Amino acid sequence: MQIELYELLSAPAGFFLYAGKRVYWVYLLSALAIASLVVTVQSGKFNFKDQLASFLDYKYWFARSSHCDFFLMLVNSSLRILLLIPLFGSHLALTVYVGSFLQDHMDDGPNLELN
């Protein structure tokens, strides 16, 4: 139970390390660079302090839409761990069960010696 809880809470953090996700760290870094370039072109000057202040703005990171995004990431990883992994893992259990049933009722296959 403790391992499942750890996987449940750490799975969204893995999104930043997997290149198949939209929040991969390289994609975020490139989006930040593009946004910085656009702001610099629009304002006509590059001001690192102002851009950093707007990027770290509390209202931006804790807005209602950000909460919704964080919640959806948590729900997505929870569903994957709680539903999909046991569903696919059950195929292995079924395979072992069928194999043992056939072993008990049909015995071993013939042993063919080939030259």
PDB file of N, CA and C in Angstrom:
ATOM      1  N   MET A   1       0.823  -1.196   0.000  1.00  0.00           N
ATOM      2  CA  MET A   1       0.000   0.000   0.000  1.00  0.00           C
ATOM      3  C   MET A   1       0.863   1.255   0.000  1.00  0.00           C
ATOM      4  N   GLN A   2       1.972   1.200   0.752  1.00  0.00           N
ATOM      5  CA  GLN A   2       2.840   2.368   0.835  1.00  0.00           C
ATOM      6  C   GLN A   2       3.515   2.635  -0.515  1.00  0.00           C
ATOM      7  N   ILE A   3       3.887   1.573  -1.230  1.00  0.00           N
ATOM      8  CA  ILE A   3       4.526   1.741  -2.533  1.00  0.00           C
ATOM      9  C   ILE A   3       3.531   2.312  -3.535  1.00  0.00           C
ATOM     10  N   GLU A   4       2.294   1.854  -3.512  1.00  0.00           N
ATOM     11  CA  GLU A   4       1.289   2.374  -4.421  1.00  0.00           C
ATOM     12  C   GLU A   4       1.041   3.852  -4.165  1.00  0.00           C
ATOM     13  N   LEU A   5       1.009   4.257  -2.906  1.00  0.00           N
ATOM     14  CA  LEU A   5       0.808   5.656  -2.579  1.00  0.00           C
ATOM     15  C   LEU A   5       1.987   6.485  -3.068  1.00  0.00           C
ATOM     16  N   TYR A   6       3.205   5.963  -2.912  1.00  0.00           N
ATOM     17  CA  TYR A   6       4.386   6.664  -3.412  1.00  0.00           C
ATOM     18  C   TYR A   6       4.318   6.806  -4.927  1.00  0.00           C
ATOM     19  N   GLU A   7       3.936   5.730  -5.626  1.00  0.00           N
ATOM     20  CA  GLU A   7       3.813   5.788  -7.084  1.00  0.00           C
ATOM     21  C   GLU A   7       2.722   6.764  -7.496  1.00  0.00           C
ATOM     22  N   LEU A   8       1.639   6.790  -6.753  1.00  0.00           N
ATOM     23  CA  LEU A   8       0.530   7.687  -7.059  1.00  0.00           C
ATOM     24  C   LEU A   8       0.960   9.142  -6.946  1.00  0.00           C
ATOM     25  N   LEU A   9       1.726   9.456  -5.919  1.00  0.00           N
ATOM     26  CA  LEU A   9       2.134  10.842  -5.709  1.00  0.00           C
ATOM     27  C   LEU A   9       3.325  11.246  -6.565  1.00  0.00           C
ATOM     28  N   SER A  10       4.171  10.295  -6.937  1.00  0.00           N
ATOM     29  CA  SER A  10       5.356  10.636  -7.722  1.00  0.00           C
ATOM     30  C   SER A  10       5.128  10.539  -9.229  1.00  0.00           C
ATOM     31  N   ALA A  11       4.046   9.930  -9.664  1.00  0.00           N
ATOM     32  CA  ALA A  11       3.798   9.768 -11.102  1.00  0.00           C
ATOM     33  C   ALA A  11       3.683  11.100 -11.845  1.00  0.00           C
ATOM     34  N   PRO A  12       2.979  12.110 -11.311  1.00  0.00           N
ATOM     35  CA  PRO A  12       2.941  13.383 -12.043  1.00  0.00           C
ATOM     36  C   PRO A  12       4.315  14.023 -12.202  1.00  0.00           C
ATOM     37  N   ALA A  13       5.208  13.804 -11.267  1.00  0.00           N
ATOM     38  CA  ALA A  13       6.558  14.355 -11.396  1.00  0.00           C
ATOM     39  C   ALA A  13       7.293  13.692 -12.555  1.00  0.00           C
ATOM     40  N   GLY A  14       6.959  12.459 -12.854  1.00  0.00           N
ATOM     41  CA  GLY A  14       7.572  11.759 -13.973  1.00  0.00           C
ATOM     42  C   GLY A  14       7.180  12.335 -15.316  1.00  0.00           C
ATOM     43  N   PHE A  15       6.075  13.073 -15.383  1.00  0.00           N
ATOM     44  CA  PHE A  15       5.656  13.690 -16.633  1.00  0.00           C
ATOM     45  C   PHE A  15       6.737  14.638 -17.155  1.00  0.00           C
ATOM     46  N   PHE A  16       7.472  15.277 -16.259  1.00  0.00           N
ATOM     47  CA  PHE A  16       8.493  16.236 -16.656  1.00  0.00           C
ATOM     48  C   PHE A  16       9.745  15.541 -17.209  1.00  0.00           C
ATOM     49  N   LEU A  17       9.861  14.230 -16.997  1.00  0.00           N
ATOM     50  CA  LEU A  17      11.041  13.497 -17.436  1.00  0.00           C
ATOM     51  C   LEU A  17      10.780  12.609 -18.647  1.00  0.00           C
ATOM     52  N   TYR A  18       9.540  12.500 -19.090  1.00  0.00           N
ATOM     53  CA  TYR A  18       9.174  11.625 -20.199  1.00  0.00           C
ATOM     54  C   TYR A  18       8.909  12.476 -21.439  1.00  0.00           C
ATOM     55  N   ALA A  19       9.669  12.256 -22.498  1.00  0.00           N
ATOM     56  CA  ALA A  19       9.595  13.093 -23.702  1.00  0.00           C
ATOM     57  C   ALA A  19       8.256  12.966 -24.430  1.00  0.00           C
ATOM     58  N   GLY A  20       7.465  11.945 -24.128  1.00  0.00           N
ATOM     59  CA  GLY A  20       6.177  11.775 -24.772  1.00  0.00           C
ATOM     60  C   GLY A  20       5.084  12.648 -24.186  1.00  0.00           C
ATOM     61  N   LYS A  21       5.356  13.318 -23.106  1.00  0.00           N
ATOM     62  CA  LYS A  21       4.350  14.179 -22.457  1.00  0.00           C
ATOM     63  C   LYS A  21       4.533  15.627 -22.895  1.00  0.00           C
ATOM     64  N   ARG A  22       3.462  16.384 -22.834  1.00  0.00           N
ATOM     65  CA  ARG A  22       3.518  17.786 -23.234  1.00  0.00           C
ATOM     66  C   ARG A  22       4.240  18.665 -22.217  1.00  0.00           C
ATOM     67  N   VAL A  23       4.445  18.176 -21.015  1.00  0.00           N
ATOM     68  CA  VAL A  23       5.120  18.973 -19.990  1.00  0.00           C
ATOM     69  C   VAL A  23       6.547  18.491 -19.762  1.00  0.00           C
ATOM     70  N   TYR A  24       7.147  17.892 -20.773  1.00  0.00           N
ATOM     71  CA  TYR A  24       8.548  17.487 -20.711  1.00  0.00           C
ATOM     72  C   TYR A  24       9.395  18.739 -20.490  1.00  0.00           C
ATOM     73  N   TRP A  25      10.438  18.635 -19.679  1.00  0.00           N
ATOM     74  CA  TRP A  25      11.195  19.818 -19.264  1.00  0.00           C
ATOM     75  C   TRP A  25      11.832  20.549 -20.435  1.00  0.00           C
ATOM     76  N   VAL A  26      12.225  19.844 -21.487  1.00  0.00           N
ATOM     77  CA  VAL A  26      12.818  20.509 -22.645  1.00  0.00           C
ATOM     78  C   VAL A  26      11.766  21.342 -23.366  1.00  0.00           C
ATOM     79  N   TYR A  27      10.535  20.809 -23.460  1.00  0.00           N
ATOM     80  CA  TYR A  27       9.454  21.552 -24.104  1.00  0.00           C
ATOM     81  C   TYR A  27       9.113  22.798 -23.299  1.00  0.00           C
ATOM     82  N   LEU A  28       9.085  22.672 -21.991  1.00  0.00           N
ATOM     83  CA  LEU A  28       8.786  23.823 -21.154  1.00  0.00           C
ATOM     84  C   LEU A  28       9.871  24.889 -21.267  1.00  0.00           C
ATOM     85  N   LEU A  29      11.106  24.439 -21.304  1.00  0.00           N
ATOM     86  CA  LEU A  29      12.219  25.381 -21.427  1.00  0.00           C
ATOM     87  C   LEU A  29      12.185  26.100 -22.774  1.00  0.00           C
ATOM     88  N   SER A  30      11.870  25.368 -23.846  1.00  0.00           N
ATOM     89  CA  SER A  30      11.793  26.015 -25.158  1.00  0.00           C
ATOM     90  C   SER A  30      10.593  26.961 -25.228  1.00  0.00           C
ATOM     91  N   ALA A  31       9.486  26.608 -24.604  1.00  0.00           N
ATOM     92  CA  ALA A  31       8.331  27.504 -24.571  1.00  0.00           C
ATOM     93  C   ALA A  31       8.656  28.769 -23.791  1.00  0.00           C
ATOM     94  N   LEU A  32       9.408  28.628 -22.717  1.00  0.00           N
ATOM     95  CA  LEU A  32       9.820  29.794 -21.938  1.00  0.00           C
ATOM     96  C   LEU A  32      10.733  30.700 -22.770  1.00  0.00           C
ATOM     97  N   ALA A  33      11.637  30.102 -23.534  1.00  0.00           N
ATOM     98  CA  ALA A  33      12.528  30.895 -24.385  1.00  0.00           C
ATOM     99  C   ALA A  33      11.743  31.625 -25.475  1.00  0.00           C
ATOM    100  N   ILE A  34      10.768  30.954 -26.081  1.00  0.00           N
ATOM    101  CA  ILE A  34       9.948  31.587 -27.119  1.00  0.00           C
ATOM    102  C   ILE A  34       9.117  32.711 -26.522  1.00  0.00           C
ATOM    103  N   ALA A  35       8.527  32.474 -25.351  1.00  0.00           N
ATOM    104  CA  ALA A  35       7.732  33.516 -24.695  1.00  0.00           C
ATOM    105  C   ALA A  35       8.606  34.713 -24.342  1.00  0.00           C
ATOM    106  N   SER A  36       9.808  34.468 -23.878  1.00  0.00           N
ATOM    107  CA  SER A  36      10.725  35.555 -23.562  1.00  0.00           C
ATOM    108  C   SER A  36      11.083  36.352 -24.817  1.00  0.00           C
ATOM    109  N   LEU A  37      11.291  35.651 -25.917  1.00  0.00           N
ATOM    110  CA  LEU A  37      11.600  36.319 -27.177  1.00  0.00           C
ATOM    111  C   LEU A  37      10.437  37.193 -27.641  1.00  0.00           C
ATOM    112  N   VAL A  38       9.221  36.675 -27.531  1.00  0.00           N
ATOM    113  CA  VAL A  38       8.035  37.435 -27.948  1.00  0.00           C
ATOM    114  C   VAL A  38       7.869  38.677 -27.085  1.00  0.00           C
ATOM    115  N   VAL A  39       8.017  38.537 -25.777  1.00  0.00           N
ATOM    116  CA  VAL A  39       7.882  39.689 -24.877  1.00  0.00           C
ATOM    117  C   VAL A  39       8.966  40.717 -25.166  1.00  0.00           C
ATOM    118  N   THR A  40      10.173  40.260 -25.461  1.00  0.00           N
ATOM    119  CA  THR A  40      11.274  41.174 -25.772  1.00  0.00           C
ATOM    120  C   THR A  40      11.001  41.938 -27.065  1.00  0.00           C
ATOM    121  N   VAL A  41      10.491  41.246 -28.088  1.00  0.00           N
ATOM    122  CA  VAL A  41      10.188  41.903 -29.359  1.00  0.00           C
ATOM    123  C   VAL A  41       9.046  42.895 -29.178  1.00  0.00           C
ATOM    124  N   GLN A  42       8.016  42.523 -28.425  1.00  0.00           N
ATOM    125  CA  GLN A  42       6.867  43.410 -28.231  1.00  0.00           C
ATOM    126  C   GLN A  42       7.237  44.661 -27.437  1.00  0.00           C
ATOM    127  N   SER A  43       8.050  44.499 -26.416  1.00  0.00           N
ATOM    128  CA  SER A  43       8.400  45.655 -25.583  1.00  0.00           C
ATOM    129  C   SER A  43       9.585  46.431 -26.150  1.00  0.00           C
ATOM    130  N   GLY A  44      10.345  45.828 -27.030  1.00  0.00           N
ATOM    131  CA  GLY A  44      11.474  46.509 -27.628  1.00  0.00           C
ATOM    132  C   GLY A  44      12.744  46.432 -26.811  1.00  0.00           C
ATOM    133  N   LYS A  45      12.697  45.800 -25.653  1.00  0.00           N
ATOM    134  CA  LYS A  45      13.897  45.670 -24.821  1.00  0.00           C
ATOM    135  C   LYS A  45      13.797  44.385 -23.996  1.00  0.00           C
ATOM    136  N   PHE A  46      14.957  43.893 -23.619  1.00  0.00           N
ATOM    137  CA  PHE A  46      15.007  42.688 -22.789  1.00  0.00           C
ATOM    138  C   PHE A  46      15.290  43.095 -21.347  1.00  0.00           C
ATOM    139  N   ASN A  47      14.335  42.775 -20.473  1.00  0.00           N
ATOM    140  CA  ASN A  47      14.506  43.067 -19.052  1.00  0.00           C
ATOM    141  C   ASN A  47      14.325  41.760 -18.298  1.00  0.00           C
ATOM    142  N   PHE A  48      15.432  41.153 -17.926  1.00  0.00           N
ATOM    143  CA  PHE A  48      15.399  39.841 -17.285  1.00  0.00           C
ATOM    144  C   PHE A  48      14.631  39.874 -15.972  1.00  0.00           C
ATOM    145  N   LYS A  49      14.803  40.910 -15.192  1.00  0.00           N
ATOM    146  CA  LYS A  49      14.159  41.000 -13.880  1.00  0.00           C
ATOM    147  C   LYS A  49      12.632  41.054 -14.003  1.00  0.00           C
ATOM    148  N   ASP A  50      12.126  41.823 -14.959  1.00  0.00           N
ATOM    149  CA  ASP A  50      10.670  41.909 -15.154  1.00  0.00           C
ATOM    150  C   ASP A  50      10.099  40.600 -15.686  1.00  0.00           C
ATOM    151  N   GLN A  51      10.824  39.971 -16.605  1.00  0.00           N
ATOM    152  CA  GLN A  51      10.334  38.704 -17.144  1.00  0.00           C
ATOM    153  C   GLN A  51      10.335  37.613 -16.075  1.00  0.00           C
ATOM    154  N   LEU A  52      11.357  37.576 -15.252  1.00  0.00           N
ATOM    155  CA  LEU A  52      11.407  36.598 -14.170  1.00  0.00           C
ATOM    156  C   LEU A  52      10.303  36.849 -13.153  1.00  0.00           C
ATOM    157  N   ALA A  53      10.045  38.115 -12.844  1.00  0.00           N
ATOM    158  CA  ALA A  53       8.973  38.458 -11.899  1.00  0.00           C
ATOM    159  C   ALA A  53       7.612  38.042 -12.443  1.00  0.00           C
ATOM    160  N   SER A  54       7.375  38.243 -13.736  1.00  0.00           N
ATOM    161  CA  SER A  54       6.078  37.839 -14.300  1.00  0.00           C
ATOM    162  C   SER A  54       5.962  36.323 -14.395  1.00  0.00           C
ATOM    163  N   PHE A  55       7.087  35.636 -14.619  1.00  0.00           N
ATOM    164  CA  PHE A  55       7.068  34.170 -14.677  1.00  0.00           C
ATOM    165  C   PHE A  55       6.798  33.563 -13.306  1.00  0.00           C
ATOM    166  N   LEU A  56       7.311  34.156 -12.264  1.00  0.00           N
ATOM    167  CA  LEU A  56       7.144  33.634 -10.906  1.00  0.00           C
ATOM    168  C   LEU A  56       5.967  34.258 -10.180  1.00  0.00           C
ATOM    169  N   ASP A  57       5.080  34.911 -10.906  1.00  0.00           N
ATOM    170  CA  ASP A  57       3.935  35.580 -10.303  1.00  0.00           C
ATOM    171  C   ASP A  57       3.006  34.566  -9.628  1.00  0.00           C
ATOM    172  N   TYR A  58       2.650  34.846  -8.388  1.00  0.00           N
ATOM    173  CA  TYR A  58       1.781  33.976  -7.592  1.00  0.00           C
ATOM    174  C   TYR A  58       0.418  33.812  -8.250  1.00  0.00           C
ATOM    175  N   LYS A  59      -0.121  34.894  -8.800  1.00  0.00           N
ATOM    176  CA  LYS A  59      -1.458  34.845  -9.413  1.00  0.00           C
ATOM    177  C   LYS A  59      -1.486  33.916 -10.623  1.00  0.00           C
ATOM    178  N   TYR A  60      -0.367  33.817 -11.312  1.00  0.00           N
ATOM    179  CA  TYR A  60      -0.306  32.940 -12.488  1.00  0.00           C
ATOM    180  C   TYR A  60      -0.274  31.476 -12.071  1.00  0.00           C
ATOM    181  N   TRP A  61       0.582  31.108 -11.153  1.00  0.00           N
ATOM    182  CA  TRP A  61       0.771  29.707 -10.778  1.00  0.00           C
ATOM    183  C   TRP A  61      -0.369  29.150  -9.942  1.00  0.00           C
ATOM    184  N   PHE A  62      -1.088  30.004  -9.234  1.00  0.00           N
ATOM    185  CA  PHE A  62      -2.167  29.522  -8.381  1.00  0.00           C
ATOM    186  C   PHE A  62      -3.533  30.040  -8.835  1.00  0.00           C
ATOM    187  N   ALA A  63      -3.670  30.256 -10.125  1.00  0.00           N
ATOM    188  CA  ALA A  63      -4.961  30.630 -10.705  1.00  0.00           C
ATOM    189  C   ALA A  63      -5.864  29.398 -10.758  1.00  0.00           C
ATOM    190  N   ARG A  64      -7.118  29.626 -10.994  1.00  0.00           N
ATOM    191  CA  ARG A  64      -8.085  28.535 -11.032  1.00  0.00           C
ATOM    192  C   ARG A  64      -7.750  27.523 -12.134  1.00  0.00           C
ATOM    193  N   SER A  65      -7.320  27.997 -13.288  1.00  0.00           N
ATOM    194  CA  SER A  65      -6.993  27.068 -14.375  1.00  0.00           C
ATOM    195  C   SER A  65      -5.751  26.242 -14.043  1.00  0.00           C
ATOM    196  N   SER A  66      -4.802  26.818 -13.304  1.00  0.00           N
ATOM    197  CA  SER A  66      -3.621  26.056 -12.890  1.00  0.00           C
ATOM    198  C   SER A  66      -4.006  24.960 -11.908  1.00  0.00           C
ATOM    199  N   HIS A  67      -4.907  25.273 -10.995  1.00  0.00           N
ATOM    200  CA  HIS A  67      -5.397  24.247 -10.065  1.00  0.00           C
ATOM    201  C   HIS A  67      -6.073  23.116 -10.828  1.00  0.00           C
ATOM    202  N   CYS A  68      -6.836  23.469 -11.834  1.00  0.00           N
ATOM    203  CA  CYS A  68      -7.511  22.455 -12.652  1.00  0.00           C
ATOM    204  C   CYS A  68      -6.485  21.573 -13.372  1.00  0.00           C
ATOM    205  N   ASP A  69      -5.433  22.184 -13.908  1.00  0.00           N
ATOM    206  CA  ASP A  69      -4.385  21.415 -14.583  1.00  0.00           C
ATOM    207  C   ASP A  69      -3.681  20.471 -13.621  1.00  0.00           C
ATOM    208  N   PHE A  70      -3.338  20.954 -12.432  1.00  0.00           N
ATOM    209  CA  PHE A  70      -2.674  20.106 -11.436  1.00  0.00           C
ATOM    210  C   PHE A  70      -3.580  18.949 -11.030  1.00  0.00           C
ATOM    211  N   PHE A  71      -4.859  19.241 -10.848  1.00  0.00           N
ATOM    212  CA  PHE A  71      -5.824  18.209 -10.465  1.00  0.00           C
ATOM    213  C   PHE A  71      -5.946  17.147 -11.557  1.00  0.00           C
ATOM    214  N   LEU A  72      -6.020  17.582 -12.815  1.00  0.00           N
ATOM    215  CA  LEU A  72      -6.147  16.625 -13.918  1.00  0.00           C
ATOM    216  C   LEU A  72      -4.907  15.758 -14.059  1.00  0.00           C
ATOM    217  N   MET A  73      -3.724  16.308 -13.807  1.00  0.00           N
ATOM    218  CA  MET A  73      -2.506  15.495 -13.845  1.00  0.00           C
ATOM    219  C   MET A  73      -2.541  14.434 -12.749  1.00  0.00           C
ATOM    220  N   LEU A  74      -3.009  14.810 -11.568  1.00  0.00           N
ATOM    221  CA  LEU A  74      -3.092  13.863 -10.458  1.00  0.00           C
ATOM    222  C   LEU A  74      -4.134  12.780 -10.741  1.00  0.00           C
ATOM    223  N   VAL A  75      -5.283  13.163 -11.264  1.00  0.00           N
ATOM    224  CA  VAL A  75      -6.338  12.192 -11.581  1.00  0.00           C
ATOM    225  C   VAL A  75      -5.872  11.241 -12.683  1.00  0.00           C
ATOM    226  N   ASN A  76      -5.200  11.768 -13.691  1.00  0.00           N
ATOM    227  CA  ASN A  76      -4.708  10.936 -14.786  1.00  0.00           C
ATOM    228  C   ASN A  76      -3.737   9.878 -14.281  1.00  0.00           C
ATOM    229  N   SER A  77      -2.791  10.279 -13.459  1.00  0.00           N
ATOM    230  CA  SER A  77      -1.826   9.304 -12.945  1.00  0.00           C
ATOM    231  C   SER A  77      -2.493   8.330 -11.982  1.00  0.00           C
ATOM    232  N   SER A  78      -3.479   8.800 -11.223  1.00  0.00           N
ATOM    233  CA  SER A  78      -4.193   7.919 -10.298  1.00  0.00           C
ATOM    234  C   SER A  78      -4.959   6.840 -11.058  1.00  0.00           C
ATOM    235  N   LEU A  79      -5.639   7.240 -12.107  1.00  0.00           N
ATOM    236  CA  LEU A  79      -6.389   6.261 -12.902  1.00  0.00           C
ATOM    237  C   LEU A  79      -5.458   5.253 -13.548  1.00  0.00           C
ATOM    238  N   ARG A  80      -4.312   5.716 -14.007  1.00  0.00           N
ATOM    239  CA  ARG A  80      -3.361   4.797 -14.632  1.00  0.00           C
ATOM    240  C   ARG A  80      -2.893   3.759 -13.623  1.00  0.00           C
ATOM    241  N   ILE A  81      -2.560   4.202 -12.430  1.00  0.00           N
ATOM    242  CA  ILE A  81      -2.034   3.273 -11.429  1.00  0.00           C
ATOM    243  C   ILE A  81      -3.128   2.372 -10.875  1.00  0.00           C
ATOM    244  N   LEU A  82      -4.287   2.934 -10.609  1.00  0.00           N
ATOM    245  CA  LEU A  82      -5.342   2.174  -9.943  1.00  0.00           C
ATOM    246  C   LEU A  82      -6.173   1.303 -10.883  1.00  0.00           C
ATOM    247  N   LEU A  83      -6.240   1.648 -12.162  1.00  0.00           N
ATOM    248  CA  LEU A  83      -7.093   0.886 -13.079  1.00  0.00           C
ATOM    249  C   LEU A  83      -6.318   0.159 -14.177  1.00  0.00           C
ATOM    250  N   LEU A  84      -5.470   0.866 -14.881  1.00  0.00           N
ATOM    251  CA  LEU A  84      -4.842   0.266 -16.053  1.00  0.00           C
ATOM    252  C   LEU A  84      -3.782  -0.766 -15.689  1.00  0.00           C
ATOM    253  N   ILE A  85      -2.936  -0.470 -14.746  1.00  0.00           N
ATOM    254  CA  ILE A  85      -1.876  -1.416 -14.393  1.00  0.00           C
ATOM    255  C   ILE A  85      -2.451  -2.722 -13.843  1.00  0.00           C
ATOM    256  N   PRO A  86      -3.430  -2.695 -12.926  1.00  0.00           N
ATOM    257  CA  PRO A  86      -4.002  -3.980 -12.502  1.00  0.00           C
ATOM    258  C   PRO A  86      -4.721  -4.716 -13.634  1.00  0.00           C
ATOM    259  N   LEU A  87      -5.335  -3.983 -14.550  1.00  0.00           N
ATOM    260  CA  LEU A  87      -6.030  -4.621 -15.659  1.00  0.00           C
ATOM    261  C   LEU A  87      -5.039  -5.364 -16.551  1.00  0.00           C
ATOM    262  N   PHE A  88      -3.930  -4.710 -16.901  1.00  0.00           N
ATOM    263  CA  PHE A  88      -2.936  -5.369 -17.739  1.00  0.00           C
ATOM    264  C   PHE A  88      -2.146  -6.410 -16.964  1.00  0.00           C
ATOM    265  N   GLY A  89      -1.962  -6.203 -15.679  1.00  0.00           N
ATOM    266  CA  GLY A  89      -1.282  -7.185 -14.854  1.00  0.00           C
ATOM    267  C   GLY A  89      -2.093  -8.449 -14.675  1.00  0.00           C
ATOM    268  N   SER A  90      -3.408  -8.339 -14.781  1.00  0.00           N
ATOM    269  CA  SER A  90      -4.257  -9.522 -14.632  1.00  0.00           C
ATOM    270  C   SER A  90      -4.079 -10.482 -15.805  1.00  0.00           C
ATOM    271  N   HIS A  91      -3.636  -9.988 -16.953  1.00  0.00           N
ATOM    272  CA  HIS A  91      -3.374 -10.884 -18.092  1.00  0.00           C
ATOM    273  C   HIS A  91      -2.271 -11.872 -17.752  1.00  0.00           C
ATOM    274  N   LEU A  92      -1.280 -11.428 -17.023  1.00  0.00           N
ATOM    275  CA  LEU A  92      -0.203 -12.317 -16.617  1.00  0.00           C
ATOM    276  C   LEU A  92      -0.732 -13.401 -15.679  1.00  0.00           C
ATOM    277  N   ALA A  93      -1.578 -13.016 -14.730  1.00  0.00           N
ATOM    278  CA  ALA A  93      -2.150 -13.998 -13.809  1.00  0.00           C
ATOM    279  C   ALA A  93      -2.998 -15.014 -14.566  1.00  0.00           C
ATOM    280  N   LEU A  94      -3.767 -14.549 -15.544  1.00  0.00           N
ATOM    281  CA  LEU A  94      -4.592 -15.450 -16.348  1.00  0.00           C
ATOM    282  C   LEU A  94      -3.713 -16.398 -17.165  1.00  0.00           C
ATOM    283  N   THR A  95      -2.617 -15.910 -17.700  1.00  0.00           N
ATOM    284  CA  THR A  95      -1.695 -16.743 -18.462  1.00  0.00           C
ATOM    285  C   THR A  95      -1.089 -17.837 -17.589  1.00  0.00           C
ATOM    286  N   VAL A  96      -0.683 -17.480 -16.390  1.00  0.00           N
ATOM    287  CA  VAL A  96      -0.120 -18.471 -15.462  1.00  0.00           C
ATOM    288  C   VAL A  96      -1.182 -19.493 -15.078  1.00  0.00           C
ATOM    289  N   TYR A  97      -2.410 -19.050 -14.852  1.00  0.00           N
ATOM    290  CA  TYR A  97      -3.489 -19.968 -14.497  1.00  0.00           C
ATOM    291  C   TYR A  97      -3.776 -20.947 -15.631  1.00  0.00           C
ATOM    292  N   VAL A  98      -3.884 -20.459 -16.861  1.00  0.00           N
ATOM    293  CA  VAL A  98      -4.162 -21.335 -18.000  1.00  0.00           C
ATOM    294  C   VAL A  98      -3.008 -22.305 -18.215  1.00  0.00           C
ATOM    295  N   GLY A  99      -1.770 -21.811 -18.079  1.00  0.00           N
ATOM    296  CA  GLY A  99      -0.605 -22.685 -18.236  1.00  0.00           C
ATOM    297  C   GLY A  99      -0.571 -23.793 -17.201  1.00  0.00           C
ATOM    298  N   SER A 100      -0.883 -23.468 -15.938  1.00  0.00           N
ATOM    299  CA  SER A 100      -0.883 -24.510 -14.902  1.00  0.00           C
ATOM    300  C   SER A 100      -2.044 -25.477 -15.100  1.00  0.00           C
ATOM    301  N   PHE A 101      -3.198 -24.991 -15.566  1.00  0.00           N
ATOM    302  CA  PHE A 101      -4.330 -25.864 -15.848  1.00  0.00           C
ATOM    303  C   PHE A 101      -3.971 -26.862 -16.949  1.00  0.00           C
ATOM    304  N   LEU A 102      -3.370 -26.369 -18.015  1.00  0.00           N
ATOM    305  CA  LEU A 102      -2.984 -27.259 -19.103  1.00  0.00           C
ATOM    306  C   LEU A 102      -1.900 -28.239 -18.666  1.00  0.00           C
ATOM    307  N   GLN A 103      -0.983 -27.784 -17.831  1.00  0.00           N
ATOM    308  CA  GLN A 103       0.077 -28.652 -17.324  1.00  0.00           C
ATOM    309  C   GLN A 103      -0.518 -29.777 -16.480  1.00  0.00           C
ATOM    310  N   ASP A 104      -1.505 -29.463 -15.635  1.00  0.00           N
ATOM    311  CA  ASP A 104      -2.106 -30.466 -14.761  1.00  0.00           C
ATOM    312  C   ASP A 104      -2.979 -31.454 -15.524  1.00  0.00           C
ATOM    313  N   HIS A 105      -3.727 -30.983 -16.522  1.00  0.00           N
ATOM    314  CA  HIS A 105      -4.700 -31.838 -17.196  1.00  0.00           C
ATOM    315  C   HIS A 105      -4.201 -32.456 -18.503  1.00  0.00           C
ATOM    316  N   MET A 106      -3.230 -31.871 -19.127  1.00  0.00           N
ATOM    317  CA  MET A 106      -2.758 -32.383 -20.404  1.00  0.00           C
ATOM    318  C   MET A 106      -1.362 -32.984 -20.305  1.00  0.00           C
ATOM    319  N   ASP A 107      -0.677 -32.747 -19.241  1.00  0.00           N
ATOM    320  CA  ASP A 107       0.687 -33.226 -19.016  1.00  0.00           C
ATOM    321  C   ASP A 107       1.646 -32.490 -19.949  1.00  0.00           C
ATOM    322  N   ASP A 108       2.891 -32.902 -19.902  1.00  0.00           N
ATOM    323  CA  ASP A 108       3.890 -32.252 -20.742  1.00  0.00           C
ATOM    324  C   ASP A 108       3.695 -32.662 -22.195  1.00  0.00           C
ATOM    325  N   GLY A 109       4.195 -31.813 -23.075  1.00  0.00           N
ATOM    326  CA  GLY A 109       4.161 -32.148 -24.489  1.00  0.00           C
ATOM    327  C   GLY A 109       5.174 -33.223 -24.787  1.00  0.00           C
ATOM    328  N   PRO A 110       5.093 -33.826 -25.960  1.00  0.00           N
ATOM    329  CA  PRO A 110       6.058 -34.885 -26.310  1.00  0.00           C
ATOM    330  C   PRO A 110       7.470 -34.305 -26.429  1.00  0.00           C
ATOM    331  N   ASN A 111       8.417 -35.102 -26.059  1.00  0.00           N
ATOM    332  CA  ASN A 111       9.814 -34.710 -26.150  1.00  0.00           C
ATOM    333  C   ASN A 111      10.357 -35.238 -27.461  1.00  0.00           C
ATOM    334  N   LEU A 112      10.568 -34.410 -28.405  1.00  0.00           N
ATOM    335  CA  LEU A 112      11.032 -34.796 -29.740  1.00  0.00           C
ATOM    336  C   LEU A 112      12.546 -34.633 -29.808  1.00  0.00           C
ATOM    337  N   GLU A 113      13.220 -35.675 -30.214  1.00  0.00           N
ATOM    338  CA  GLU A 113      14.655 -35.579 -30.394  1.00  0.00           C
ATOM    339  C   GLU A 113      14.930 -35.390 -31.877  1.00  0.00           C
ATOM    340  N   LEU A 114      15.568 -34.316 -32.191  1.00  0.00           N
ATOM    341  CA  LEU A 114      15.881 -33.994 -33.583  1.00  0.00           C
ATOM    342  C   LEU A 114      17.389 -34.110 -33.801  1.00  0.00           C
ATOM    343  N   ASN A 115      17.760 -34.566 -34.997  1.00  0.00           N
ATOM    344  CA  ASN A 115      19.174 -34.658 -35.345  1.00  0.00           C
ATOM    345  C   ASN A 115      19.722 -33.287 -35.661  1.00  0.00           C
TER     346      ASN A 115
END
